[in-house]
Each structure stands twice: as structure tokens, then as C-alpha cells.
Amino acid sequence: MKAIRMPRPVFAGYALLLFTGTHWPNLQIRGPVERTDLWVHLGAFGTWAALAAACGFFGPVFSKRNLTLSWMTAVGYACIDEGLQAIPALGRTCAWDDLAFNVLGISLAIGGMWGLGRLSR
């Protein structure tokens, strides 16, 4: 079964929305559980990684090369994104636990895609 690539404008649109959301001044997320924002980080960056990998920027969607480089790119982006939140004018928080949940979401998404790729062979 051959994977269908995600149209790159879909990824670009999501990436723009995520960047806007993570840099919106003084944005705070409240929810039914303490630190709801961590779960939002997990899902948001996992989605970013899955969409990037599904675009096949680095080769066939489920190839080891594409998934590895997509994971590395997503983690690199998550580090930059979190670091930019330290800009005082944004009134945001740059935190290690946020970054940890970003990386966890990325890893779960790429791991899930690896599993799907194995099943599709």
C-alpha cells in the first residue's frame, strides 16, 4: 500500500497557526485539569510532526529517512519555538516541561507513523 502525501499547503497553514498560537502575547490556557497546557503542547506538536512527515519532505512518507529527519526537524523547531517564548514582550513562559511535552508529542506521532508504515507493508 503506497502512502498518499499530505499537500504541503496543509502543513504550512497548520504550522502558521501553531506559531501564531505559541507566540500570541499573554495567552493562557485553562482547562479541567491542572496544567492543561502540557496536553495541548503534546497534541499540537505531535500534529505538527505528523503533518510534516506526511508531506514526505525527506522521501517516501513511511521511510526511515523521512520519519527520522521529520522527527529531528520537529524537535529542532520545538526548541526554537519554546526559546522564542522567553522574549519578554510576549509575556509567555519558556519552560522545560513544555518542551518535554512537545518532544513527547512529536515522538508519539512519529512512532505511530512508523507503526502504520510497518502495518502497510
N, C-alpha and C. Protein backbone atom coordinates (compact mmCIF):
# COMPACT_ATOMS: atom_id res chain seq x y z
N MET A 1 0.83 -1.17 0.00
CA MET A 1 0.00 0.00 0.00
C MET A 1 0.88 1.24 0.00
N LYS A 2 0.71 2.10 -0.95
CA LYS A 2 1.51 3.31 -1.03
C LYS A 2 0.82 4.45 -0.28
N ALA A 3 1.60 5.15 0.53
CA ALA A 3 1.05 6.27 1.30
C ALA A 3 0.80 7.47 0.39
N ILE A 4 -0.27 8.16 0.66
CA ILE A 4 -0.58 9.38 -0.07
C ILE A 4 0.04 10.54 0.69
N ARG A 5 0.78 11.38 -0.01
CA ARG A 5 1.41 12.52 0.64
C ARG A 5 0.39 13.61 0.97
N MET A 6 0.62 14.24 2.09
CA MET A 6 -0.19 15.37 2.52
C MET A 6 0.19 16.58 1.65
N PRO A 7 -0.78 17.34 1.17
CA PRO A 7 -0.44 18.55 0.43
C PRO A 7 0.33 19.52 1.35
N ARG A 8 1.44 20.04 0.87
CA ARG A 8 2.30 20.90 1.69
C ARG A 8 1.60 22.16 2.20
N PRO A 9 0.67 22.75 1.43
CA PRO A 9 -0.03 23.92 1.98
C PRO A 9 -0.83 23.62 3.25
N VAL A 10 -1.28 22.38 3.42
CA VAL A 10 -1.98 22.00 4.65
C VAL A 10 -1.01 22.10 5.83
N PHE A 11 0.18 21.55 5.65
CA PHE A 11 1.20 21.64 6.70
C PHE A 11 1.56 23.10 6.96
N ALA A 12 1.78 23.88 5.91
CA ALA A 12 2.17 25.28 6.06
C ALA A 12 1.11 26.07 6.83
N GLY A 13 -0.15 25.82 6.53
CA GLY A 13 -1.23 26.50 7.23
C GLY A 13 -1.26 26.15 8.71
N TYR A 14 -1.10 24.85 9.00
CA TYR A 14 -1.10 24.41 10.40
C TYR A 14 0.12 24.99 11.12
N ALA A 15 1.28 24.97 10.47
CA ALA A 15 2.50 25.49 11.08
C ALA A 15 2.33 26.98 11.41
N LEU A 16 1.71 27.72 10.53
CA LEU A 16 1.47 29.15 10.76
C LEU A 16 0.51 29.34 11.94
N LEU A 17 -0.55 28.55 12.00
CA LEU A 17 -1.48 28.63 13.13
C LEU A 17 -0.80 28.30 14.46
N LEU A 18 0.04 27.26 14.45
CA LEU A 18 0.73 26.87 15.67
C LEU A 18 1.70 27.97 16.11
N PHE A 19 2.46 28.51 15.17
CA PHE A 19 3.40 29.58 15.51
C PHE A 19 2.65 30.78 16.09
N THR A 20 1.54 31.12 15.47
CA THR A 20 0.74 32.25 15.96
C THR A 20 0.24 31.97 17.38
N GLY A 21 -0.27 30.78 17.60
CA GLY A 21 -0.78 30.42 18.92
C GLY A 21 0.29 30.40 20.00
N THR A 22 1.47 29.92 19.66
CA THR A 22 2.53 29.81 20.67
C THR A 22 3.24 31.14 20.91
N HIS A 23 2.96 32.14 20.09
CA HIS A 23 3.60 33.45 20.26
C HIS A 23 2.58 34.57 20.50
N TRP A 24 1.32 34.20 20.70
CA TRP A 24 0.29 35.19 20.99
C TRP A 24 0.57 35.78 22.38
N PRO A 25 0.71 37.09 22.47
CA PRO A 25 1.07 37.69 23.76
C PRO A 25 0.10 37.34 24.89
N ASN A 26 0.70 36.95 26.01
CA ASN A 26 -0.03 36.68 27.26
C ASN A 26 -1.12 35.61 27.15
N LEU A 27 -1.06 34.75 26.16
CA LEU A 27 -2.07 33.69 26.02
C LEU A 27 -1.92 32.68 27.15
N GLN A 28 -3.02 32.35 27.79
CA GLN A 28 -3.02 31.35 28.84
C GLN A 28 -4.12 30.34 28.55
N ILE A 29 -3.82 29.07 28.80
CA ILE A 29 -4.78 28.01 28.56
C ILE A 29 -5.22 27.43 29.90
N ARG A 30 -6.50 27.48 30.12
CA ARG A 30 -7.05 26.89 31.34
C ARG A 30 -7.97 25.75 30.93
N GLY A 31 -8.01 24.73 31.74
CA GLY A 31 -8.86 23.60 31.41
C GLY A 31 -9.30 22.85 32.64
N PRO A 32 -9.87 21.69 32.43
CA PRO A 32 -10.44 20.92 33.54
C PRO A 32 -9.39 20.25 34.43
N VAL A 33 -8.15 20.16 33.96
CA VAL A 33 -7.09 19.54 34.75
C VAL A 33 -5.96 20.55 34.92
N GLU A 34 -5.20 20.35 35.99
CA GLU A 34 -4.06 21.23 36.22
C GLU A 34 -3.04 21.06 35.08
N ARG A 35 -2.50 22.17 34.62
CA ARG A 35 -1.51 22.20 33.54
C ARG A 35 -2.07 21.62 32.23
N THR A 36 -3.29 22.00 31.91
CA THR A 36 -3.91 21.59 30.64
C THR A 36 -3.02 21.93 29.47
N ASP A 37 -2.24 23.02 29.61
CA ASP A 37 -1.38 23.45 28.51
C ASP A 37 -0.38 22.38 28.10
N LEU A 38 0.05 21.53 29.03
CA LEU A 38 1.01 20.48 28.67
C LEU A 38 0.39 19.50 27.67
N TRP A 39 -0.88 19.17 27.88
CA TRP A 39 -1.56 18.25 26.97
C TRP A 39 -1.80 18.91 25.61
N VAL A 40 -2.01 20.22 25.63
CA VAL A 40 -2.14 20.97 24.38
C VAL A 40 -0.81 20.94 23.63
N HIS A 41 0.29 21.13 24.36
CA HIS A 41 1.62 21.05 23.74
C HIS A 41 1.82 19.68 23.07
N LEU A 42 1.48 18.62 23.80
CA LEU A 42 1.65 17.27 23.27
C LEU A 42 0.90 17.10 21.95
N GLY A 43 -0.36 17.48 21.94
CA GLY A 43 -1.18 17.31 20.74
C GLY A 43 -0.78 18.24 19.61
N ALA A 44 -0.49 19.47 19.93
CA ALA A 44 -0.18 20.46 18.90
C ALA A 44 1.13 20.13 18.18
N PHE A 45 2.16 19.79 18.93
CA PHE A 45 3.44 19.49 18.29
C PHE A 45 3.45 18.08 17.69
N GLY A 46 2.67 17.17 18.25
CA GLY A 46 2.51 15.86 17.62
C GLY A 46 1.85 15.99 16.27
N THR A 47 0.84 16.84 16.19
CA THR A 47 0.17 17.09 14.91
C THR A 47 1.11 17.73 13.91
N TRP A 48 1.90 18.71 14.37
CA TRP A 48 2.89 19.37 13.50
C TRP A 48 3.82 18.32 12.89
N ALA A 49 4.34 17.44 13.74
CA ALA A 49 5.28 16.41 13.29
C ALA A 49 4.62 15.43 12.32
N ALA A 50 3.40 15.00 12.64
CA ALA A 50 2.70 14.04 11.77
C ALA A 50 2.42 14.65 10.40
N LEU A 51 1.98 15.92 10.39
CA LEU A 51 1.72 16.57 9.10
C LEU A 51 3.00 16.76 8.30
N ALA A 52 4.08 17.15 8.99
CA ALA A 52 5.36 17.32 8.29
C ALA A 52 5.82 15.99 7.68
N ALA A 53 5.75 14.93 8.47
CA ALA A 53 6.17 13.61 7.96
C ALA A 53 5.27 13.17 6.82
N ALA A 54 3.97 13.44 6.94
CA ALA A 54 3.02 13.02 5.90
C ALA A 54 3.23 13.77 4.59
N CYS A 55 3.91 14.92 4.66
CA CYS A 55 4.25 15.64 3.42
C CYS A 55 5.40 14.97 2.68
N GLY A 56 6.15 14.13 3.35
CA GLY A 56 7.25 13.43 2.71
C GLY A 56 8.36 14.36 2.26
N PHE A 57 8.70 15.34 3.06
CA PHE A 57 9.76 16.29 2.70
C PHE A 57 11.09 15.59 2.48
N PHE A 58 11.32 14.46 3.15
CA PHE A 58 12.62 13.79 3.10
C PHE A 58 12.57 12.42 2.43
N GLY A 59 11.53 12.16 1.68
CA GLY A 59 11.42 10.89 0.97
C GLY A 59 10.03 10.29 1.14
N PRO A 60 9.87 9.02 0.80
CA PRO A 60 8.57 8.38 0.95
C PRO A 60 8.07 8.53 2.39
N VAL A 61 6.78 8.74 2.54
CA VAL A 61 6.18 9.09 3.83
C VAL A 61 6.64 8.19 4.97
N PHE A 62 6.57 6.87 4.79
CA PHE A 62 6.88 5.96 5.88
C PHE A 62 8.33 5.48 5.89
N SER A 63 9.19 6.08 5.07
CA SER A 63 10.59 5.64 5.04
C SER A 63 11.30 6.04 6.33
N LYS A 64 12.30 5.25 6.69
CA LYS A 64 13.08 5.54 7.89
C LYS A 64 13.71 6.92 7.80
N ARG A 65 14.21 7.27 6.63
CA ARG A 65 14.85 8.58 6.44
C ARG A 65 13.86 9.71 6.68
N ASN A 66 12.68 9.62 6.07
CA ASN A 66 11.68 10.68 6.22
C ASN A 66 11.23 10.82 7.68
N LEU A 67 10.97 9.69 8.33
CA LEU A 67 10.48 9.76 9.71
C LEU A 67 11.56 10.26 10.66
N THR A 68 12.80 9.82 10.45
CA THR A 68 13.90 10.27 11.31
C THR A 68 14.15 11.76 11.14
N LEU A 69 14.25 12.20 9.89
CA LEU A 69 14.52 13.62 9.65
C LEU A 69 13.33 14.50 10.02
N SER A 70 12.13 13.99 9.86
CA SER A 70 10.95 14.74 10.31
C SER A 70 10.96 14.89 11.82
N TRP A 71 11.33 13.81 12.53
CA TRP A 71 11.42 13.88 13.99
C TRP A 71 12.47 14.90 14.41
N MET A 72 13.64 14.85 13.78
CA MET A 72 14.72 15.78 14.13
C MET A 72 14.32 17.23 13.83
N THR A 73 13.68 17.45 12.70
CA THR A 73 13.24 18.80 12.33
C THR A 73 12.19 19.30 13.31
N ALA A 74 11.24 18.45 13.67
CA ALA A 74 10.18 18.84 14.60
C ALA A 74 10.75 19.16 15.98
N VAL A 75 11.69 18.37 16.46
CA VAL A 75 12.30 18.63 17.76
C VAL A 75 13.09 19.94 17.70
N GLY A 76 13.83 20.15 16.62
CA GLY A 76 14.55 21.41 16.45
C GLY A 76 13.61 22.60 16.46
N TYR A 77 12.51 22.48 15.73
CA TYR A 77 11.53 23.56 15.70
C TYR A 77 10.92 23.78 17.09
N ALA A 78 10.61 22.70 17.80
CA ALA A 78 10.02 22.83 19.14
C ALA A 78 10.97 23.57 20.08
N CYS A 79 12.27 23.31 19.96
CA CYS A 79 13.26 24.00 20.79
C CYS A 79 13.29 25.50 20.46
N ILE A 80 13.30 25.81 19.18
CA ILE A 80 13.29 27.22 18.77
C ILE A 80 12.01 27.91 19.23
N ASP A 81 10.88 27.25 18.99
CA ASP A 81 9.58 27.80 19.36
C ASP A 81 9.52 28.09 20.86
N GLU A 82 9.94 27.14 21.65
CA GLU A 82 9.91 27.33 23.10
C GLU A 82 10.87 28.42 23.53
N GLY A 83 12.03 28.47 22.92
CA GLY A 83 13.01 29.51 23.25
C GLY A 83 12.51 30.91 22.94
N LEU A 84 11.81 31.05 21.83
CA LEU A 84 11.28 32.36 21.45
C LEU A 84 10.24 32.87 22.45
N GLN A 85 9.64 31.96 23.19
CA GLN A 85 8.65 32.38 24.18
C GLN A 85 9.29 33.08 25.38
N ALA A 86 10.61 33.08 25.44
CA ALA A 86 11.32 33.80 26.50
C ALA A 86 11.42 35.30 26.21
N ILE A 87 11.00 35.73 25.03
CA ILE A 87 11.03 37.16 24.70
C ILE A 87 10.08 37.88 25.66
N PRO A 88 10.60 38.80 26.47
CA PRO A 88 9.78 39.44 27.50
C PRO A 88 8.51 40.11 26.96
N ALA A 89 8.55 40.72 25.81
CA ALA A 89 7.38 41.44 25.27
C ALA A 89 6.19 40.51 25.01
N LEU A 90 6.44 39.21 24.87
CA LEU A 90 5.35 38.28 24.61
C LEU A 90 4.58 37.90 25.88
N GLY A 91 5.22 38.09 27.02
CA GLY A 91 4.55 37.72 28.26
C GLY A 91 4.26 36.23 28.36
N ARG A 92 5.11 35.44 27.72
CA ARG A 92 4.93 33.98 27.71
C ARG A 92 5.93 33.33 28.65
N THR A 93 5.81 32.03 28.82
CA THR A 93 6.72 31.28 29.68
C THR A 93 7.51 30.28 28.84
N CYS A 94 8.81 30.33 28.98
CA CYS A 94 9.70 29.34 28.36
C CYS A 94 10.02 28.32 29.44
N ALA A 95 9.61 27.07 29.25
CA ALA A 95 9.76 26.08 30.33
C ALA A 95 10.18 24.72 29.79
N TRP A 96 10.97 24.03 30.60
CA TRP A 96 11.45 22.70 30.21
C TRP A 96 10.33 21.70 30.12
N ASP A 97 9.33 21.79 31.00
CA ASP A 97 8.24 20.82 30.93
C ASP A 97 7.41 21.02 29.67
N ASP A 98 7.25 22.25 29.21
CA ASP A 98 6.58 22.49 27.94
C ASP A 98 7.34 21.81 26.80
N LEU A 99 8.66 22.01 26.80
CA LEU A 99 9.48 21.39 25.76
C LEU A 99 9.42 19.87 25.83
N ALA A 100 9.42 19.33 27.03
CA ALA A 100 9.35 17.87 27.19
C ALA A 100 8.06 17.32 26.59
N PHE A 101 6.94 18.01 26.81
CA PHE A 101 5.68 17.54 26.25
C PHE A 101 5.63 17.76 24.73
N ASN A 102 6.30 18.81 24.24
CA ASN A 102 6.43 18.98 22.79
C ASN A 102 7.12 17.75 22.19
N VAL A 103 8.25 17.39 22.78
CA VAL A 103 9.05 16.26 22.26
C VAL A 103 8.30 14.94 22.44
N LEU A 104 7.58 14.79 23.54
CA LEU A 104 6.79 13.57 23.74
C LEU A 104 5.72 13.46 22.65
N GLY A 105 5.02 14.54 22.36
CA GLY A 105 4.00 14.53 21.31
C GLY A 105 4.60 14.21 19.95
N ILE A 106 5.75 14.81 19.66
CA ILE A 106 6.44 14.55 18.40
C ILE A 106 6.83 13.08 18.31
N SER A 107 7.39 12.56 19.38
CA SER A 107 7.84 11.16 19.39
C SER A 107 6.68 10.18 19.24
N LEU A 108 5.57 10.47 19.91
CA LEU A 108 4.40 9.60 19.79
C LEU A 108 3.85 9.62 18.36
N ALA A 109 3.80 10.80 17.77
CA ALA A 109 3.27 10.92 16.40
C ALA A 109 4.15 10.20 15.39
N ILE A 110 5.45 10.42 15.48
CA ILE A 110 6.37 9.77 14.54
C ILE A 110 6.41 8.27 14.80
N GLY A 111 6.37 7.88 16.06
CA GLY A 111 6.31 6.45 16.39
C GLY A 111 5.05 5.79 15.85
N GLY A 112 3.94 6.50 15.94
CA GLY A 112 2.69 5.99 15.38
C GLY A 112 2.77 5.85 13.87
N MET A 113 3.40 6.82 13.23
CA MET A 113 3.55 6.73 11.77
C MET A 113 4.48 5.58 11.39
N TRP A 114 5.52 5.36 12.19
CA TRP A 114 6.41 4.23 11.93
C TRP A 114 5.60 2.93 12.01
N GLY A 115 4.75 2.83 13.05
CA GLY A 115 3.91 1.63 13.20
C GLY A 115 2.95 1.45 12.02
N LEU A 116 2.33 2.54 11.58
CA LEU A 116 1.45 2.46 10.41
C LEU A 116 2.22 2.01 9.17
N GLY A 117 3.43 2.53 9.02
CA GLY A 117 4.25 2.13 7.89
C GLY A 117 4.58 0.65 7.91
N ARG A 118 4.85 0.13 9.09
CA ARG A 118 5.13 -1.31 9.23
C ARG A 118 3.90 -2.14 8.88
N LEU A 119 2.74 -1.68 9.32
CA LEU A 119 1.50 -2.41 9.05
C LEU A 119 1.15 -2.39 7.57
N SER A 120 1.50 -1.30 6.89
CA SER A 120 1.11 -1.17 5.49
C SER A 120 1.99 -1.97 4.53
N ARG A 121 3.09 -2.53 5.04
CA ARG A 121 3.99 -3.30 4.17
C ARG A 121 3.49 -4.69 3.95
